[in-house]
Amino acid sequence: MAEEEDTKIRILQSLRGKICEGKNLGPCSGPNRQRDLCTFCTISLDQEEVFRTKVFDKSLSPFYGEDFYFEIPRPFQCLSFYVFAKGVFQRDLPVGKVSIRKEELCKFSGKEHWFGLQPVDPNSEVQGKVHLEMRLNELIIENGSMCQQLLVRIIECQGLPLISGQNCDPYATVSLVGPARSDQKKTKVKKKTSDPQFEETFNFEVTRPNSYTKKSNFQVEEEDIEKLEIKVDLWNNGNLAQDVFLGETRVSVKILRNDHIHRAWYLLQPKGNGKSKTDDLGSLRLNVTYTEDNVLPSACYTPLRTLLLKSPDIKPISASAAHILGDICRERYEAVLPVVRLLLHHSRLVPFVSAITVLELENTQEANTIFRGNSLATRCIDDMMKIVGRSYLTVTLKPVLDEICDSNKTCEIDPIKLKEGDNVEVNKENLQGYVQKVFSSITQSSSSCPPLMCDVFRSLRHMASKRFPDDPHVQYSAVSSFVFLRFFAVAVLSPHTFQLRPHHPDLEVSRTLTLISKTIQTLGSWGSLSKNKLFLDEISSNVSKESSGVEDSVVLKEGEIQKRAQGRKRIGKRNFKKRWLRVTNRELSYHKHRGKEALCIIPVKNIRAVEKLYESAFNRKNMFQVLHSEKPLYVQAGNCVEASEWVEVLSQVSRCNPDRLGTFHPSAHVAGAWLCCRSLSDNQPGCKPCTPTLLANLQLDIDCDRETERIFSLLTSSYSKLQKMEDACASIAVYQGPPREQDDYSLFTIQDPKETFHTVQQITHILEELQREHDTRSGTAQYGSQENPIVGKTS
């Protein structure tokens, strides 16, 4: 088992992007055309909704402005964006959709595109795969002539969609289809499962021509079966309602020409290949970045990780591996983040930031332009604040931002933008009140500022004073340019980006936040303000902040779930109720509704394990269990992304508890026995080992191997620039001066060509070794296997 883990590759998927806006939504003409559509968008992995925007009122061209990011915890075929019209007295109606197959996502990565909406056709809404076996037998019938018998075995399906939020009741029809025949047979219905095991075999006679004569070596005659195919349709049994189409696949019988047995997995396809009449339903502007990290075993990354972690000690700093990465990937905004996270995890970020800050200050001529550019130093500090300061923002800004967004007072003071009936004096009063509350919240928050941010600010302050000793204010402007201009003001402007609000604010609230943010920037730049100066002193001085000894309670995750009544012995729909689940760094609680008193509180210190449940436990998907000192808490999340996030957060927050379990039951104890191992006692120790939890800072959530793999990918994709830097170093070293081809090398910072050349060569060697590891370990699964199912008709 250990050897298997040593060679295993982790495939980690994530999706990041933005639902920007819609244009001319809805049918362009006819009775269905509406002028006052209230719309919202959803994101689905196959047919499972994993994200939803807020409703945008009465506009055919709404600006959604919703950012999204989530880890994808399971395989998927298609990513879809749906636009719905909000129903008042009826269900929400689909306007149209944008569907992108997984293999096509790379075409759109990182850039905004307009996508035309396609109709939402029930026959095209499919997901899952089916496992088939086909065999052709030769038989002698009564009159002595030969005929062929086709055996079709439908083995199983996986990943069928939920129907109305529940597992489906699937069955399959198997048909032999040709120009003059259509024989259909049907499997039994499987109850409440998305992964049905059918294991049924059907026989079909393949008609032979009269001229057929037996041959010594049996061969299927091509003209006989050229147009015959097996068609498998999956359906959900609707009982009293209409059956729902789940997908189909077609396999040409002539695949058996060369092999009498064919066994393979097939992806389910839309009916008629998903082709339907198109109408002008409008368009959607999207920014989508799909990332798939193929993470090797940790030992493979040791050389690259070691080289990167040595960066703060390299002199000059421009010759370090981390600085070289920033240099050659200067135009890629995502390049700095994995380096910051890696150095942060190993407590090497502060010395690295200090070294690159010194380099930047050497090139800064005026004190009033300090840290105003988009340099490697400013990008590193920006990313550090976003990672480390997440809970700091929540504690400091969330209460006042909630008040501003919910009260929705008008604050417009621009005469040109005033609406009829607006009073500019009243609006000015509203704005001043909001600014005062936000600014006071910030300047009184020094005790909550994370120690790492304080360390960086202290270093910035010292280096700025040393660079400009005659300017008494530069020590404050160096800190305020980050904490006010790049941290608090940005969070006020876009609270949804920092998880301070669930959605992008509407236009009026967004305008209010813009005015507040601009004012905060202005106030923050006035280092002479006594309140401002005191705050900057407190977050950047050598004096330790007073602490009560009690850690602030920080909400790590909350949301609506379905909770099973604890202690119930039977499985039933009535045993599940909607509840609001909330986890902080101190406790897990559930409530009847958001904001209501807790119905149950479980201290984090009492949590002994958090594990996913088999679907068969309660015939429900996306379930997990919290094992603690009393009865297990069984929870169903809204989708696979939510379930994975809940398990991750709860596992991390309880990872150091002394009484954590080593084993668990992945199913339920029902009718006197565990469904997983059939043990009778409900106190029987678990039958499966608990999932090991990596020791990581919960707030930082850093997977160092994944970050190193991303750095490897960045360096590999910029390999040509790496070679140019190597050439530049050689040229400078030989000619003892600037290179002749200045245009090719001017973007690189090369202070010591020999040291830089040495580091580049080390990087190149490590990249070659890592690429060999990838090539050796990442073999492509056979086409038709469970991991690589066949798409479309096969012949």
Foldseek 3Di string as FASTA:
>chain_A
DVVCLQQDWDKWKKKWWWFFKWAQFAFPDDPGDDQWFFKKKFKDQQQATDDIFDTHTGHSIGTFGWIDMFIDPDDGFKIKMWMWGPDDPDHIHTRFMDIDTPVRQVVQAQDKDKDFGWHDDLLFRAWWKWKKKKFKDWDQDDVRDIWIKIKIWTFKIADFDADPQFAFFKKKKKWKDFPPDIDIDIFDTHPLDRIDGGGDMDMDIQDDDPPDDDDPDDFDDCVSQVGIKMKMWMWGDPPVDDIGTHFMFIAGPCVCRPPRMDIFMEIGGGVVNPDDDGGRRTITIMHMHMDIFGFRRPVLLVLVLVQLLCQLVDPLSLLGPLNVQCLLPVVPLPSNQLSLLSCVQVVNLQSSLLNVLLVVLVVDDDLVCRPVDDGSSNSSLLNVCLQVVLQLCLQQPLVLLVVLQVVLDFQDQPPVPDDPPDDNVVSVVVLVVSLVSNLVSLLPSLLVPDLVLLSNLLSQLVSQCVSPVPDPCSSQQSSLCPCQVSNSLVCLLAVCVSVSDVGGGDPRSNVSSNVSSVVSNVVSNPCVPPSNVVSSCSSHDPDDDDDPPDDDKGWPDKDKWWWFQFPDQAADPVRTDIWIWTDTLFWTFIHRDPPDDTPDIDTLLFFQAKAAADCVQRSRPLWIWTDGPDTIIIIHDSGVRRSVVVRLLSCQSNVPRPRHDQAAARHDNHPQAGPRPRHRDPPDGHPGGGDHDDHGDSSNPDDSSSSSSVNLVSCVVSVVLLVLLLVQLVQCVVVVDGHPPCVSDVSRDPPDSVSSNVNSVSSVVSSVSSVVSCVVSDDDDDERHPVHDHYHYDD
